[in-house]
Protein backbone atom coordinates (compact mmCIF):
# COMPACT_ATOMS: atom_id res chain seq x y z
CA MET A 1 14.80 19.02 -15.71
CA VAL A 2 13.97 15.44 -16.77
CA TYR A 3 11.29 13.42 -14.97
CA GLN A 4 10.56 9.72 -15.25
CA PHE A 5 6.98 8.79 -14.46
CA THR A 6 5.66 5.23 -14.65
CA MET A 7 2.23 3.68 -14.17
CA PRO A 8 0.49 0.37 -14.97
CA ARG A 9 0.26 -0.32 -18.68
CA LYS A 10 -3.51 0.14 -18.60
CA THR A 11 -5.91 1.28 -15.86
CA ILE A 12 -9.70 1.10 -15.89
CA ILE A 13 -11.61 3.04 -13.21
CA GLY A 14 -15.35 3.12 -12.66
CA ASP A 15 -18.36 1.51 -11.02
CA ASN A 16 -18.88 -2.09 -12.22
CA VAL A 17 -16.09 -1.81 -14.83
CA LEU A 18 -15.08 -5.42 -14.13
CA ASN A 19 -18.18 -6.65 -15.97
CA ASN A 20 -17.12 -4.78 -19.10
CA SER A 21 -13.46 -5.79 -19.23
CA GLU A 22 -13.65 -8.97 -21.35
CA ALA A 23 -11.33 -7.77 -24.09
CA ASP A 24 -8.75 -6.55 -21.59
CA PHE A 25 -8.55 -9.90 -19.81
CA LYS A 26 -8.51 -11.91 -23.02
CA ALA A 27 -5.53 -9.87 -24.16
CA LEU A 28 -3.53 -11.18 -21.19
CA GLY A 29 -3.70 -14.93 -21.81
CA GLN A 30 -5.73 -18.11 -22.00
CA LYS A 31 -5.85 -19.37 -18.40
CA ALA A 32 -5.82 -17.19 -15.30
CA PHE A 33 -4.24 -17.99 -11.95
CA VAL A 34 -6.48 -16.11 -9.50
CA VAL A 35 -4.72 -15.19 -6.23
CA THR A 36 -6.89 -14.10 -3.32
CA GLY A 37 -7.69 -14.62 0.36
CA LYS A 38 -10.32 -16.37 2.43
CA ASN A 39 -12.28 -13.27 3.49
CA VAL A 40 -12.66 -11.92 -0.03
CA THR A 41 -13.79 -15.37 -1.15
CA LYS A 42 -16.35 -15.65 1.67
CA ALA A 43 -17.68 -12.17 0.86
CA GLY A 44 -18.58 -13.37 -2.63
CA ILE A 45 -16.27 -10.92 -4.38
CA VAL A 46 -14.10 -13.59 -6.00
CA LYS A 47 -17.24 -15.18 -7.43
CA LYS A 48 -18.00 -11.91 -9.23
CA LEU A 49 -14.67 -12.28 -11.01
CA THR A 50 -14.98 -16.00 -11.74
CA ASP A 51 -18.55 -15.51 -13.01
CA CYS A 52 -17.15 -12.99 -15.50
CA LEU A 53 -14.37 -15.35 -16.56
CA GLU A 54 -16.86 -18.16 -17.10
CA GLN A 55 -19.20 -15.89 -19.02
CA TRP A 56 -16.29 -14.90 -21.25
CA GLY A 57 -15.31 -18.55 -21.78
CA MET A 58 -11.98 -18.22 -20.00
CA ALA A 59 -10.27 -20.92 -17.94
CA TYR A 60 -8.96 -20.21 -14.45
CA GLU A 61 -7.56 -21.71 -11.25
CA VAL A 62 -8.18 -20.10 -7.84
CA PHE A 63 -5.50 -19.96 -5.12
CA SER A 64 -7.04 -18.54 -1.95
CA ASP A 65 -4.32 -19.30 0.61
CA ILE A 66 -3.05 -15.76 1.18
CA THR A 67 -3.98 -15.53 4.85
CA GLY A 68 -2.95 -12.18 6.25
CA GLU A 69 0.11 -10.29 5.10
CA PRO A 70 2.08 -12.50 2.67
CA THR A 71 5.13 -14.53 3.64
CA ASP A 72 7.76 -16.31 1.59
CA LYS A 73 6.06 -19.60 2.51
CA MET A 74 2.74 -18.44 1.05
CA ILE A 75 4.55 -17.36 -2.13
CA HIS A 76 6.26 -20.74 -2.42
CA ALA A 77 2.90 -22.52 -2.10
CA GLY A 78 1.36 -20.19 -4.66
CA LEU A 79 4.22 -20.69 -7.07
CA LYS A 80 3.84 -24.46 -6.86
CA ALA A 81 0.09 -24.19 -7.50
CA TYR A 82 0.67 -21.78 -10.42
CA ARG A 83 3.05 -24.18 -12.12
CA ASN A 84 0.79 -27.19 -11.52
CA ALA A 85 -2.21 -25.35 -12.98
CA GLU A 86 -0.29 -24.46 -16.16
CA CYS A 87 -1.68 -20.92 -16.27
CA ASP A 88 -0.22 -18.20 -18.47
CA TYR A 89 -1.22 -15.06 -16.57
CA LEU A 90 -2.21 -14.02 -13.05
CA ILE A 91 -5.04 -12.06 -11.48
CA GLY A 92 -4.84 -10.67 -7.96
CA ILE A 93 -8.12 -9.76 -6.29
CA GLY A 94 -8.42 -8.51 -2.72
CA GLY A 95 -6.47 -6.18 -0.47
CA GLY A 96 -2.76 -5.47 -0.75
CA SER A 97 -1.74 -8.96 0.35
CA PRO A 98 -3.08 -10.87 -2.69
CA LEU A 99 -1.92 -8.11 -5.03
CA ASP A 100 1.62 -8.14 -3.61
CA SER A 101 1.57 -11.94 -3.72
CA VAL A 102 0.76 -11.99 -7.44
CA LYS A 103 3.86 -9.92 -8.16
CA ALA A 104 6.06 -12.22 -6.07
CA ILE A 105 4.63 -15.39 -7.63
CA ALA A 106 5.04 -13.96 -11.13
CA MET A 107 8.67 -13.00 -10.58
CA MET A 108 9.62 -16.30 -8.95
CA SER A 109 8.00 -18.23 -11.82
CA VAL A 110 10.90 -16.92 -13.92
CA LEU A 111 13.78 -16.15 -11.54
CA ASP A 112 16.09 -18.62 -9.79
CA GLY A 113 16.94 -18.95 -6.10
CA LYS A 114 14.96 -17.80 -3.08
CA ILE A 115 12.72 -14.76 -2.94
CA SER A 116 14.94 -13.28 -0.22
CA ASP A 117 17.81 -13.18 -2.74
CA TYR A 118 16.07 -10.26 -4.45
CA MET A 119 15.53 -7.96 -1.46
CA GLY A 120 16.98 -4.54 -2.20
CA MET A 121 17.70 -5.34 -5.86
CA GLU A 122 16.14 -3.79 -8.95
CA ILE A 123 14.15 -6.81 -10.11
CA LYS A 124 14.11 -7.48 -13.84
CA GLY A 125 12.65 -10.23 -15.99
CA ASP A 126 10.08 -11.18 -18.57
CA PHE A 127 7.29 -12.07 -16.14
CA PRO A 128 3.81 -13.37 -17.03
CA PRO A 129 1.10 -10.68 -17.40
CA MET A 130 -0.65 -9.53 -14.22
CA ALA A 131 -4.09 -7.99 -13.67
CA LEU A 132 -4.70 -6.46 -10.22
CA ILE A 133 -8.16 -5.78 -8.80
CA PRO A 134 -8.20 -4.07 -5.37
CA THR A 135 -11.15 -4.62 -3.03
CA THR A 136 -9.87 -2.11 -0.47
CA SER A 137 -8.84 1.52 -0.88
CA GLY A 138 -5.37 2.03 0.42
CA THR A 139 -2.37 -0.12 -0.44
CA GLY A 140 -2.06 1.18 -3.99
CA SER A 141 -0.34 -2.07 -5.00
CA GLU A 142 -2.34 -2.05 -8.23
CA ALA A 143 -0.36 1.04 -9.28
CA THR A 144 3.15 0.20 -8.09
CA LYS A 145 6.34 -1.67 -8.87
CA TYR A 146 6.58 -2.79 -5.23
CA SER A 147 5.74 -5.94 -3.29
CA VAL A 148 6.23 -6.47 0.45
CA ILE A 149 6.77 -10.08 1.55
CA THR A 150 7.82 -11.30 4.99
CA ASP A 151 10.99 -13.38 5.19
CA THR A 152 10.04 -15.91 7.87
CA GLU A 153 13.66 -16.91 8.54
CA GLU A 154 14.91 -13.40 9.29
CA ASN A 155 11.55 -12.09 10.58
CA VAL A 156 11.75 -9.04 8.34
CA LYS A 157 9.46 -7.53 5.73
CA MET A 158 11.26 -7.53 2.40
CA LEU A 159 10.67 -4.68 -0.03
CA LEU A 160 10.82 -6.09 -3.56
CA LYS A 161 10.94 -3.57 -6.37
CA GLY A 162 11.32 -3.28 -10.13
CA GLU A 163 9.50 -1.87 -13.15
CA ALA A 164 8.87 -5.46 -14.27
CA LEU A 165 6.50 -5.83 -11.28
CA LEU A 166 4.08 -3.22 -12.62
CA PRO A 167 0.79 -4.87 -13.64
CA SER A 168 -0.35 -5.04 -17.23
CA LEU A 169 -3.86 -4.14 -16.11
CA ALA A 170 -5.31 -2.39 -13.06
CA VAL A 171 -9.08 -2.61 -12.59
CA ILE A 172 -10.38 -0.07 -10.04
CA ASP A 173 -14.01 -0.92 -9.37
CA PRO A 174 -15.36 0.96 -6.31
CA ALA A 175 -18.34 -1.42 -6.18
CA LEU A 176 -15.93 -4.13 -4.98
CA THR A 177 -14.90 -2.06 -1.93
CA MET A 178 -18.40 -1.61 -0.49
CA THR A 179 -18.19 -4.58 1.89
CA ALA A 180 -14.86 -3.61 3.49
CA PRO A 181 -15.38 -3.47 7.30
CA LYS A 182 -14.61 -0.37 9.36
CA SER A 183 -11.24 -1.65 10.60
CA ILE A 184 -10.03 -2.37 7.06
CA THR A 185 -11.42 0.93 5.79
CA ALA A 186 -9.42 2.80 8.45
CA SER A 187 -6.23 0.78 8.02
CA THR A 188 -6.07 0.93 4.24
CA GLY A 189 -7.22 4.55 4.13
CA MET A 190 -4.43 5.61 6.46
CA ASP A 191 -1.98 3.62 4.34
CA ALA A 192 -3.08 5.63 1.29
CA LEU A 193 -2.75 8.90 3.19
CA THR A 194 0.73 7.94 4.34
CA HIS A 195 1.70 7.15 0.75
CA ALA A 196 0.53 10.53 -0.51
CA VAL A 197 2.07 12.60 2.28
CA GLU A 198 5.39 10.74 2.17
CA ALA A 199 5.62 11.05 -1.61
CA TYR A 200 4.83 14.77 -1.45
CA THR A 201 7.60 15.32 1.11
CA SER A 202 10.10 12.84 -0.41
CA LYS A 203 13.46 13.87 -1.86
CA LYS A 204 12.23 12.27 -5.10
CA SER A 205 9.06 14.31 -5.46
CA ASN A 206 8.39 16.37 -8.59
CA HIS A 207 5.61 18.43 -10.16
CA PHE A 208 3.73 15.40 -11.48
CA ILE A 209 3.79 13.69 -8.09
CA ASP A 210 2.68 16.89 -6.35
CA MET A 211 -0.46 16.95 -8.49
CA TYR A 212 -1.44 13.36 -7.66
CA ALA A 213 -0.39 13.62 -3.99
CA LEU A 214 -2.36 16.75 -3.13
CA SER A 215 -5.41 15.38 -4.92
CA ALA A 216 -5.21 12.13 -2.93
CA ILE A 217 -4.65 13.93 0.39
CA LYS A 218 -7.66 16.21 -0.11
CA ARG A 219 -9.90 13.28 -1.05
CA ILE A 220 -8.80 11.22 1.95
CA PHE A 221 -9.28 13.93 4.56
CA THR A 222 -12.77 14.55 3.16
CA TYR A 223 -14.01 11.06 2.38
CA LEU A 224 -12.19 8.59 4.65
CA PRO A 225 -14.22 9.55 7.77
CA LEU A 226 -17.41 9.26 5.70
CA ALA A 227 -16.49 5.81 4.39
CA TYR A 228 -15.47 4.74 7.89
CA ASN A 229 -18.76 5.83 9.46
CA ASP A 230 -20.96 4.58 6.62
CA GLY A 231 -19.52 1.84 4.44
CA ALA A 232 -22.54 2.06 2.14
CA ASN A 233 -21.71 5.67 1.20
CA ARG A 234 -21.07 5.09 -2.52
CA LYS A 235 -19.62 8.54 -3.17
CA ALA A 236 -17.11 8.14 -0.33
CA ARG A 237 -16.11 4.68 -1.57
CA GLU A 238 -15.62 5.98 -5.12
CA GLU A 239 -13.46 8.89 -3.97
CA MET A 240 -11.36 6.66 -1.71
CA ALA A 241 -10.77 4.16 -4.55
CA ILE A 242 -9.47 7.00 -6.72
CA ALA A 243 -7.37 8.43 -3.88
CA ALA A 244 -5.75 5.07 -3.18
CA TYR A 245 -4.77 4.74 -6.83
CA GLU A 246 -3.44 8.30 -6.96
CA ALA A 247 -1.37 7.67 -3.84
CA GLY A 248 -0.08 4.42 -5.33
CA VAL A 249 1.07 6.27 -8.44
CA CYS A 250 2.86 8.71 -6.12
CA ILE A 251 4.94 6.13 -4.28
CA ASN A 252 5.63 4.27 -7.51
CA ASN A 253 7.55 7.34 -8.64
CA ALA A 254 8.73 9.03 -5.43
CA SER A 255 8.84 6.05 -3.06
CA VAL A 256 8.00 6.21 0.65
CA THR A 257 10.05 7.67 3.49
CA LEU A 258 10.50 7.36 7.24
CA VAL A 259 7.00 6.21 8.24
CA HIS A 260 7.02 3.13 6.03
CA GLY A 261 10.62 2.34 6.93
CA MET A 262 9.67 2.23 10.61
CA SER A 263 6.28 0.62 10.05
CA ARG A 264 7.44 -2.57 8.35
CA PRO A 265 9.47 -3.87 11.34
CA ILE A 266 6.48 -3.38 13.65
CA GLY A 267 4.33 -5.38 11.23
CA ALA A 268 6.90 -8.15 10.87
CA LEU A 269 7.59 -8.58 14.58
CA PHE A 270 4.19 -7.83 16.14
CA HIS A 271 1.81 -8.60 13.26
CA VAL A 272 0.16 -5.19 13.31
CA PRO A 273 -1.76 -4.51 10.05
CA HIS A 274 0.39 -2.32 7.83
CA GLY A 275 -1.99 0.63 7.63
CA ILE A 276 -2.49 0.65 11.40
CA SER A 277 1.23 0.64 12.13
CA ASN A 278 1.60 3.54 9.67
CA ALA A 279 -1.15 5.41 11.49
CA MET A 280 0.49 4.73 14.88
CA LEU A 281 3.71 6.26 13.58
CA ILE A 282 2.73 9.02 11.19
CA SER A 283 2.31 11.97 13.55
CA LYS A 284 5.47 11.27 15.52
CA CYS A 285 7.55 10.64 12.40
CA LEU A 286 6.31 13.75 10.61
CA LYS A 287 6.76 15.90 13.70
CA PHE A 288 10.41 14.85 13.75
CA VAL A 289 11.01 15.69 10.07
CA LEU A 290 8.80 18.79 9.94
CA ASP A 291 11.71 21.23 9.96
CA GLY A 292 13.18 19.49 6.91
CA CYS A 293 10.51 21.00 4.64
CA PRO A 294 7.97 23.05 6.62
CA GLU A 295 6.77 24.72 3.41
CA ARG A 296 5.64 21.35 2.00
CA PHE A 297 3.65 20.45 5.10
CA ALA A 298 2.21 23.96 5.13
CA GLN A 299 0.97 23.49 1.56
CA VAL A 300 -0.79 20.28 2.63
CA ALA A 301 -2.45 22.08 5.55
CA LYS A 302 -3.71 24.82 3.27
CA ALA A 303 -4.88 22.33 0.63
CA ILE A 304 -7.11 20.51 3.15
CA GLY A 305 -8.40 23.74 4.69
CA ALA A 306 -6.65 23.25 8.02
CA ALA A 307 -4.71 26.52 7.68
CA ASP A 308 -5.31 29.91 6.12
CA VAL A 309 -3.42 30.75 2.94
CA ASN A 310 -1.70 33.69 4.68
CA GLU A 311 -0.37 31.72 7.65
CA SER A 312 3.36 31.14 8.08
CA ASP A 313 4.83 27.80 7.08
CA GLU A 314 5.61 26.96 10.71
CA ALA A 315 2.08 27.68 11.95
CA ALA A 316 0.40 25.97 9.01
CA SER A 317 2.56 22.85 9.20
CA GLN A 318 1.69 22.46 12.89
CA LYS A 319 -1.99 22.71 11.96
CA PHE A 320 -1.49 19.86 9.52
CA LEU A 321 -0.20 17.68 12.36
CA ASN A 322 -3.21 18.67 14.46
CA ALA A 323 -5.56 17.71 11.61
CA LEU A 324 -3.74 14.41 11.28
CA ASP A 325 -4.23 13.65 14.98
CA GLU A 326 -7.92 14.53 14.68
CA LEU A 327 -8.32 12.17 11.72
CA CYS A 328 -6.65 9.30 13.61
CA ALA A 329 -8.99 9.93 16.56
CA LYS A 330 -12.04 9.81 14.27
CA LEU A 331 -10.81 6.48 12.88
CA GLU A 332 -10.15 5.11 16.38
CA ILE A 333 -6.52 4.29 15.63
CA PRO A 334 -5.06 2.44 18.65
CA SER A 335 -1.72 3.07 20.30
CA LEU A 336 0.77 0.22 20.67
CA LYS A 337 -0.43 -0.26 24.24
CA GLU A 338 -4.10 -0.27 23.22
CA TYR A 339 -3.28 -2.77 20.48
CA GLY A 340 -1.94 -5.12 23.14
CA ILE A 341 1.81 -4.99 22.53
CA PRO A 342 3.69 -5.22 25.84
CA LYS A 343 6.34 -2.54 26.37
CA ASP A 344 8.77 -5.07 27.81
CA GLU A 345 8.60 -6.99 24.52
CA PHE A 346 8.73 -3.91 22.30
CA ASP A 347 11.67 -2.07 23.87
CA PRO A 348 14.32 -4.82 23.50
CA LEU A 349 13.54 -5.05 19.77
CA ILE A 350 13.99 -1.32 19.09
CA PRO A 351 17.65 -1.72 17.95
CA LYS A 352 16.65 -4.45 15.46
CA MET A 353 13.67 -2.44 14.21
CA ALA A 354 15.83 0.66 13.73
CA ARG A 355 18.43 -1.38 11.85
CA ASP A 356 15.79 -3.02 9.64
CA ALA A 357 14.20 0.37 8.94
CA ILE A 358 17.53 1.80 7.75
CA ILE A 359 18.29 -1.29 5.64
CA SER A 360 14.93 -0.99 3.87
CA GLY A 361 16.16 2.24 2.27
CA SER A 362 12.90 4.12 2.81
CA PRO A 363 14.15 6.53 5.53
CA GLY A 364 16.86 7.61 3.08
CA ASN A 365 14.19 9.25 0.92
CA THR A 366 13.19 11.54 3.79
CA ILE A 367 13.91 15.20 3.11
CA LYS A 368 15.61 15.49 6.52
CA GLU A 369 18.75 13.47 7.22
CA LEU A 370 18.20 10.68 9.74
CA ARG A 371 20.48 8.56 11.87
CA LYS A 372 19.78 5.19 13.44
CA GLU A 373 19.67 6.92 16.83
CA ASP A 374 16.92 9.24 15.58
CA ILE A 375 14.80 6.27 14.56
CA LYS A 376 15.33 4.57 17.91
CA ALA A 377 14.21 7.77 19.64
CA ILE A 378 11.00 7.89 17.60
CA TYR A 379 10.23 4.25 18.44
CA ASN A 380 10.67 5.12 22.12
CA ARG A 381 8.20 7.99 21.76
CA LEU A 382 5.43 5.65 20.66
CA TRP A 383 4.86 4.98 24.36
């Protein structure tokens, strides 16, 4: 058996490691294009980075116009600013949106055409170096070859992928996640959990992925409720930062499955935060595919202590779903109705969402075969 396993070129993990990364950033280039968002800037986190750059004598330009989940229009504006600033490498700092945006800006600084031209393709190119610094624990973008950008013309979230989109440097500094509010902690944490569980139960999983996935799942079930209830819990923040990275490594090598395929259309059409739409879907999606690999879900249940080691796969896998529902309740995950999405607006879009989910390719990685009608049925069950 031959396995291929890819990760960022270099990863640094630890409390306050950003302050000690001068040599790593200087190896990337002379002038940094810093991509971020308004909230991270207001929280003073971007200043921690720019203070370091100034202390190290490095030039930079800040682009802070990633407002919410990134769109092709935001990427176009960022690309124009990158070229005008004459930078030679990029830094993304923030949640998944700025990190995904860096990848898209970097690729479009080299490639021709529109960003939508590259949806579904294996993206290749000699892109400028990228350093990614997450300030939330969940998207795993700092560890992956993926970027999700909304196509505003087609109203669809595009999955962009390619080994060339892996960052040169990932800086995982749990100290930068301490100010994340409860809603973001829940959303991104559930995104990380979805990554790990989907990778573990993907057709593309292997022994290496199993190791990272089970480690991430155990950390998240233990520490996500603690981080949610007390954002100042340093141990919980550290463990969640590690779990998010582990889960990112998992999907980089095994991809995601049904949950993400169905989640992206909800985000694109109803602007639900990605992690929340995952959380809305995860139990219903996994319940549908449970019989495709009950032994895998049983192993997860036993790993988190939800089931006894001697229980049958069927009983243990059901206990995993119960534990998942309990976790979502602790994190106060809303239903579609509680989020404020009208049923009479949601139902007519189910055929489009099912079609977009299939086109994304993610459901095809699910260990159980799925049809478009199956996906439509799951969307209907969300009510």
